Protein backbone atom coordinates (compact mmCIF):
# COMPACT_ATOMS: atom_id res chain seq x y z
CA MET A 1 67.07 57.70 93.28
CA PRO A 2 69.67 57.33 90.18
CA ILE A 3 73.40 58.63 91.41
CA THR A 4 74.78 59.40 87.97
CA LYS A 5 77.79 61.36 89.03
CA TYR A 6 79.16 58.26 90.64
CA LYS A 7 79.10 56.24 86.86
CA SER A 8 82.89 56.63 86.23
CA SER A 9 83.62 54.77 89.46
CA PHE A 10 81.31 51.64 88.48
CA PHE A 11 83.67 51.20 85.33
CA VAL A 12 86.44 51.03 87.71
CA VAL A 13 85.00 48.56 89.94
CA ILE A 14 84.05 46.31 87.62
CA ILE A 15 87.39 46.44 85.89
CA ALA A 16 89.06 45.63 89.11
CA SER A 17 86.76 42.99 90.32
CA VAL A 18 86.73 41.43 86.58
CA LEU A 19 90.76 41.20 86.80
CA LEU A 20 90.64 39.87 90.73
CA PHE A 21 88.19 36.91 89.68
CA GLY A 22 90.95 35.84 86.82
CA CYS A 23 93.38 34.71 89.24
CA LYS A 24 91.17 31.32 89.85
CA ASP A 25 93.95 30.24 92.63
CA VAL A 26 93.57 32.97 94.71
CA ASP A 27 90.66 33.35 97.38
CA PRO A 28 88.12 35.89 95.58
CA HIS A 29 86.99 38.28 98.60
CA MET A 30 90.65 37.75 100.54
CA GLY A 31 88.51 38.87 103.82
CA ARG A 32 86.50 41.42 102.42
CA THR A 33 83.09 41.71 102.76
CA PRO A 34 80.78 41.11 99.24
CA LEU A 35 77.63 43.22 98.89
CA ALA A 36 76.47 42.40 95.89
CA SER A 37 77.27 40.02 92.84
CA ILE A 38 76.46 39.52 89.00
CA ALA A 39 77.54 36.00 88.39
CA ASP A 40 81.15 35.61 89.52
CA VAL A 41 82.02 39.71 90.13
CA PHE A 42 81.84 40.62 93.63
CA LEU A 43 81.57 44.43 94.38
CA TYR A 44 82.74 44.88 98.17
CA LYS A 45 81.95 47.06 100.85
CA ASP A 46 84.85 48.65 101.38
CA GLU A 47 84.47 50.12 97.94
CA VAL A 48 81.62 50.72 98.39
CA ASP A 49 82.38 52.99 101.76
CA LEU A 50 85.28 54.69 100.00
CA MET A 51 82.67 56.28 97.68
CA TYR A 52 80.56 57.47 100.68
CA ALA A 53 83.19 58.75 102.38
CA THR A 54 84.31 60.67 99.01
CA TYR A 55 80.57 61.26 97.69
CA GLY A 56 77.78 60.73 100.26
CA GLN A 57 78.26 62.15 103.70
CA MET A 58 75.47 64.77 102.88
CA SER A 59 73.24 62.01 102.48
CA ASP A 60 71.45 59.31 104.07
CA SER A 61 73.94 56.05 104.43
CA THR A 62 71.18 53.26 103.92
CA THR A 63 70.08 55.06 100.80
CA PHE A 64 72.94 55.63 99.28
CA TYR A 65 74.52 52.27 99.97
CA ASP A 66 71.28 51.30 98.22
CA ASN A 67 71.19 53.42 95.70
CA TYR A 68 74.76 52.65 94.95
CA ILE A 69 74.58 48.48 94.88
CA GLU A 70 72.19 49.03 92.16
CA GLN A 71 73.42 51.32 90.19
CA TRP A 72 76.91 48.91 90.38
CA ALA A 73 74.21 45.94 89.31
CA THR A 74 72.85 48.06 86.61
CA GLU A 75 75.73 48.71 84.93
CA MET A 76 77.45 45.31 85.49
CA LEU A 77 73.93 43.25 83.37
CA PHE A 78 74.51 46.38 81.19
CA TYR A 79 77.62 45.74 80.54
CA GLU A 80 77.56 42.02 80.43
CA LYS A 81 74.35 42.18 77.28
CA ALA A 82 76.93 44.78 75.55
CA SER A 83 79.71 42.33 75.57
CA GLU A 84 77.00 39.31 74.59
CA ASN A 85 75.90 41.60 71.43
CA ILE A 86 79.66 42.65 70.21
CA ALA A 87 80.82 40.24 67.66
CA SER A 88 84.20 41.25 67.95
CA THR A 89 86.57 43.58 69.94
CA ASP A 90 89.15 43.94 67.21
CA GLU A 91 87.91 47.79 66.97
CA ILE A 92 87.96 48.24 70.73
CA ASP A 93 91.42 46.80 71.33
CA LYS A 94 92.89 48.90 68.67
CA LEU A 95 91.13 51.85 70.25
CA VAL A 96 92.93 50.74 73.50
CA GLU A 97 96.09 50.37 72.60
CA GLY A 98 96.20 53.27 70.85
CA TYR A 99 95.29 54.95 73.67
CA ARG A 100 98.24 53.57 75.87
CA ARG A 101 100.76 54.37 73.14
CA SER A 102 99.24 58.07 73.64
CA LEU A 103 99.25 58.22 77.59
CA VAL A 104 103.14 56.89 77.74
CA LEU A 105 104.53 59.33 74.71
CA SER A 106 102.36 62.24 77.30
CA LEU A 107 103.92 60.86 80.11
CA TYR A 108 107.64 60.42 78.64
CA GLN A 109 107.89 63.77 76.77
CA GLU A 110 106.11 65.52 80.06
CA GLY A 111 109.72 63.64 81.53
CA LEU A 112 111.77 64.57 78.96
CA ILE A 113 110.82 68.58 79.36
CA ALA A 114 111.28 68.79 83.39
CA GLN A 115 114.37 67.06 83.06
CA HIS A 116 116.10 68.91 79.77
CA LEU A 117 113.87 72.16 78.60
CA ILE A 118 114.28 75.26 80.41
CA HIS A 119 110.82 77.23 81.22
CA GLU A 120 112.04 80.82 82.21
CA ILE A 121 111.31 83.49 79.35
CA SER A 122 113.09 86.56 79.31
CA GLU A 123 112.43 90.30 79.18
CA LYS A 124 113.80 90.56 75.69
CA ASP A 125 112.69 87.13 74.32
CA VAL A 126 108.81 88.37 74.89
CA ALA A 127 110.03 92.45 74.12
CA ASP A 128 111.38 90.23 70.56
CA PHE A 129 107.67 88.54 69.72
CA TYR A 130 106.19 91.46 70.47
CA GLU A 131 107.59 93.17 68.25
CA TYR A 132 108.18 90.97 65.25
CA ASN A 133 104.61 89.93 65.42
CA GLU A 134 102.62 92.76 65.49
CA SER A 135 99.66 91.75 64.00
CA LEU A 136 99.14 89.04 66.45
CA PHE A 137 97.90 91.50 68.53
CA GLU A 138 95.73 93.97 66.82
CA ILE A 139 92.47 95.25 69.21
CA GLU A 140 89.88 94.46 67.65
CA GLU A 141 87.85 97.18 70.03
CA PRO A 142 89.53 100.29 71.24
CA LEU A 143 90.93 100.84 74.98
CA VAL A 144 91.27 103.67 77.32
CA ARG A 145 92.42 104.23 80.58
CA GLY A 146 91.35 107.46 82.50
CA ILE A 147 89.38 108.59 84.98
CA LEU A 148 85.40 109.03 85.21
CA LEU A 149 83.59 111.39 87.69
CA LYS A 150 79.94 112.08 87.80
CA VAL A 151 78.66 114.57 90.37
CA PRO A 152 74.75 116.22 91.05
CA GLU A 153 74.91 119.75 89.55
CA ARG A 154 74.51 121.26 92.82
CA ALA A 155 77.77 119.21 94.48
CA PRO A 156 80.13 121.28 96.55
CA ARG A 157 83.41 122.41 95.18
CA ILE A 158 82.70 122.21 91.28
CA ASN A 159 85.36 124.38 90.62
CA LYS A 160 88.34 122.45 92.70
CA LEU A 161 86.53 118.73 91.01
CA ARG A 162 87.26 120.23 87.64
CA THR A 163 90.88 121.38 88.39
CA TRP A 164 91.64 117.67 89.78
CA CYS A 165 90.19 116.04 87.31
CA ILE A 166 91.76 118.00 84.48
CA SER A 167 95.55 117.46 87.23
CA ARG A 168 95.38 113.73 87.25
CA LYS A 169 98.67 114.18 89.21
CA SER A 170 98.77 112.00 92.81
CA GLU A 171 97.66 114.82 94.90
CA ALA A 172 94.89 115.33 93.07
CA LEU A 173 93.87 112.00 92.48
CA ASP A 174 94.19 111.50 96.21
CA GLU A 175 91.76 114.40 96.36
CA LEU A 176 89.06 112.77 94.18
CA GLU A 177 89.25 109.45 96.02
CA LYS A 178 88.57 111.69 99.52
CA TYR A 179 85.63 113.45 97.61
CA SER A 180 83.94 110.77 96.75
CA LEU A 181 83.99 108.68 99.84
CA VAL A 182 82.00 111.78 101.65
CA ASN A 183 79.54 112.83 98.98
CA ASP A 184 77.16 110.90 96.92
CA VAL A 185 79.10 110.79 93.49
CA VAL A 186 80.01 108.29 91.29
CA TYR A 187 84.13 107.91 90.75
CA ASP A 188 85.79 105.47 88.72
CA ASN A 189 89.81 105.78 88.31
CA PHE A 190 91.33 103.97 85.58
CA LEU A 191 94.20 105.12 84.95
CA TYR A 192 96.18 101.84 85.58
CA GLU A 193 93.96 99.36 83.91
CA TRP A 194 92.61 99.55 80.26
CA ARG A 195 89.34 99.32 79.92
CA THR A 196 86.96 99.17 76.47
CA PHE A 197 86.06 102.39 75.12
CA ALA A 198 82.19 100.81 75.08
CA SER A 199 82.23 100.41 78.71
CA LEU A 200 83.23 104.39 79.32
CA VAL A 201 80.39 104.83 76.70
CA LYS A 202 77.62 103.10 78.67
CA ALA A 203 78.89 105.29 81.47
CA THR A 204 77.71 108.56 80.24
CA PRO A 205 74.84 109.76 78.21
CA LEU A 206 76.98 110.27 75.14
CA THR A 207 77.28 108.28 71.79
CA GLU A 208 80.44 106.40 71.31
CA TYR A 209 80.87 109.34 68.56
CA GLN A 210 80.44 112.21 70.79
CA LEU A 211 82.43 110.55 72.98
CA SER A 212 84.99 109.73 70.74
CA GLU A 213 84.80 113.04 69.04
CA ARG A 214 84.97 115.52 71.95
CA LEU A 215 87.97 113.26 73.50
CA SER A 216 89.85 113.70 70.27
CA ARG A 217 89.93 117.40 70.78
CA ASN A 218 90.81 117.42 74.49
CA LYS A 219 91.74 115.36 76.69
CA THR A 220 89.53 115.95 79.92
CA ILE A 221 85.92 116.84 78.91
CA GLU A 222 83.29 117.97 81.46
CA PHE A 223 78.76 117.98 80.52
CA LYS A 224 75.57 117.84 81.97
CA ASP A 225 72.95 115.94 81.60
CA LYS A 226 69.74 115.43 83.50
CA GLY A 227 70.83 117.05 86.71
CA PHE A 228 74.37 115.92 86.97
CA VAL A 229 77.98 117.02 85.58
CA TYR A 230 80.13 114.74 84.11
CA PHE A 231 83.85 115.05 83.48
CA VAL A 232 86.07 112.22 81.51
CA GLY A 233 89.64 112.06 81.32
CA VAL A 234 91.93 110.00 79.50
CA ASP A 235 95.63 109.59 78.87
CA THR A 236 95.51 107.28 76.63
CA ILE A 237 93.09 105.60 73.97
CA ILE A 238 94.17 102.53 71.71
CA LYS A 239 91.85 102.58 68.44
CA LYS A 240 90.25 99.59 66.48
CA GLY A 241 93.31 97.88 64.59
CA GLU A 242 96.09 98.96 66.41
CA ARG A 243 98.46 97.00 68.94
CA LYS A 244 97.65 96.07 72.37
CA PRO A 245 99.77 97.17 74.96
CA LEU A 246 102.60 94.84 75.90
CA GLU A 247 101.30 94.04 79.65
CA LEU A 248 97.65 92.89 78.36
CA VAL A 249 99.93 90.34 76.06
CA GLU A 250 102.35 89.26 77.84
CA SER A 251 101.41 86.32 79.37
CA GLU A 252 99.96 84.97 76.47
CA ILE A 253 103.19 85.30 74.77
CA ARG A 254 105.25 83.98 77.10
CA GLU A 255 103.00 80.90 76.89
CA LEU A 256 103.74 80.71 73.12
CA LEU A 257 107.45 80.84 73.43
CA VAL A 258 107.40 78.09 76.05
CA ASN A 259 104.93 76.01 74.00
CA SER A 260 106.93 76.52 70.86
CA ARG A 261 110.06 75.28 73.13
CA LYS A 262 108.46 72.38 74.06
CA ALA A 263 107.52 71.83 70.19
CA ASN A 264 111.13 72.12 69.26
CA PHE A 265 112.87 69.95 72.05
CA ILE A 266 110.35 67.08 71.02
CA LYS A 267 110.76 67.39 67.30
CA GLU A 268 114.66 67.56 67.74
CA MET A 269 114.37 64.66 70.41
CA LYS A 270 112.49 62.30 67.82
CA HIS A 271 115.04 62.84 65.01
CA ALA A 272 117.37 62.02 67.12
CA ILE A 273 115.84 58.90 68.02
CA TYR A 274 114.94 58.00 64.43
CA ASN A 275 118.67 58.93 63.19
CA GLU A 276 120.17 56.23 66.17
CA ALA A 277 118.02 53.76 64.93
CA GLN A 278 119.07 53.98 61.62
CA VAL A 279 122.50 54.14 62.30
CA ALA A 280 121.79 50.58 64.56
CA GLY A 281 119.49 48.89 61.29
CA LYS A 282 116.65 49.11 63.40
CA VAL A 283 114.68 51.11 60.70
CA TRP A 284 113.89 49.34 57.62
CA LEU A 285 112.13 51.14 54.75
CA ASN A 286 110.44 48.76 51.55
CA VAL A 287 111.11 52.51 49.94
CA LYS A 288 113.66 53.03 47.28
CA PRO A 289 115.26 56.21 47.33
CA LEU A 290 114.09 58.76 44.08
CA ASP A 291 116.77 59.33 41.78
CA VAL A 292 116.33 62.58 41.11
CA ASN A 293 119.01 62.31 37.99
CA ASN A 294 116.93 60.20 36.12
CA GLN A 295 113.49 61.90 36.48
CA LYS A 296 111.82 63.14 33.24
């Protein structure tokens, strides 16, 4: 039974084993218990113990150890065969050095940012960005806030329901909530959260055009279908192409501003380091400055 989810761990074990064997003056086992070897590279019991403690406690230990050792040996042999058939490792060395350089730069940049950059974004910064970049926040489909109530035609207190749906004041909403708890109705209050208009359409028997047209004339509408009475009341509709509400994009704006600050900070740091190196004579360029006045 192969245990492929541990595959990345084998490379760590292989590299560690190779490095350990490279020290010829040191006992290769150093008191550890070897479980397997390929040529002069060993797999030790404590390494497999760690893998079992991390991943294998839900399985039989004997099966786990057998599978792990077999998988390790297979990977080692495959690596050995691959090494024998690659004529040059220069390209690998370049890739490793490039990866190392990227890691060092990334860690250094993170440290600089953590030490020197203030991440707090003010409400004014967010509002200003929102106002000056309106085109970034156009909605692709209409959004709506309101309520939906669906009750049987013979439901009690229909007139009260109508009054509460039209009012939508806190007292009326409380009454609708109480009513929905003791009667077989569908009640959805989304006055304080944005929904797509399409989702509201799906909750009614009307088409998108019919619902949109009726709500354009009245903020609260009532209609019947197949033994049910529907009440739909909307406070706000944002049409396609209009700007998204600030509360929907505030976190996105904050992230954009933080990332922009980070990029500018690193750019300034790099520029300062380059200028300092030029002054110190550490930078040599085999390029003569262009003489703009002599250019034709």
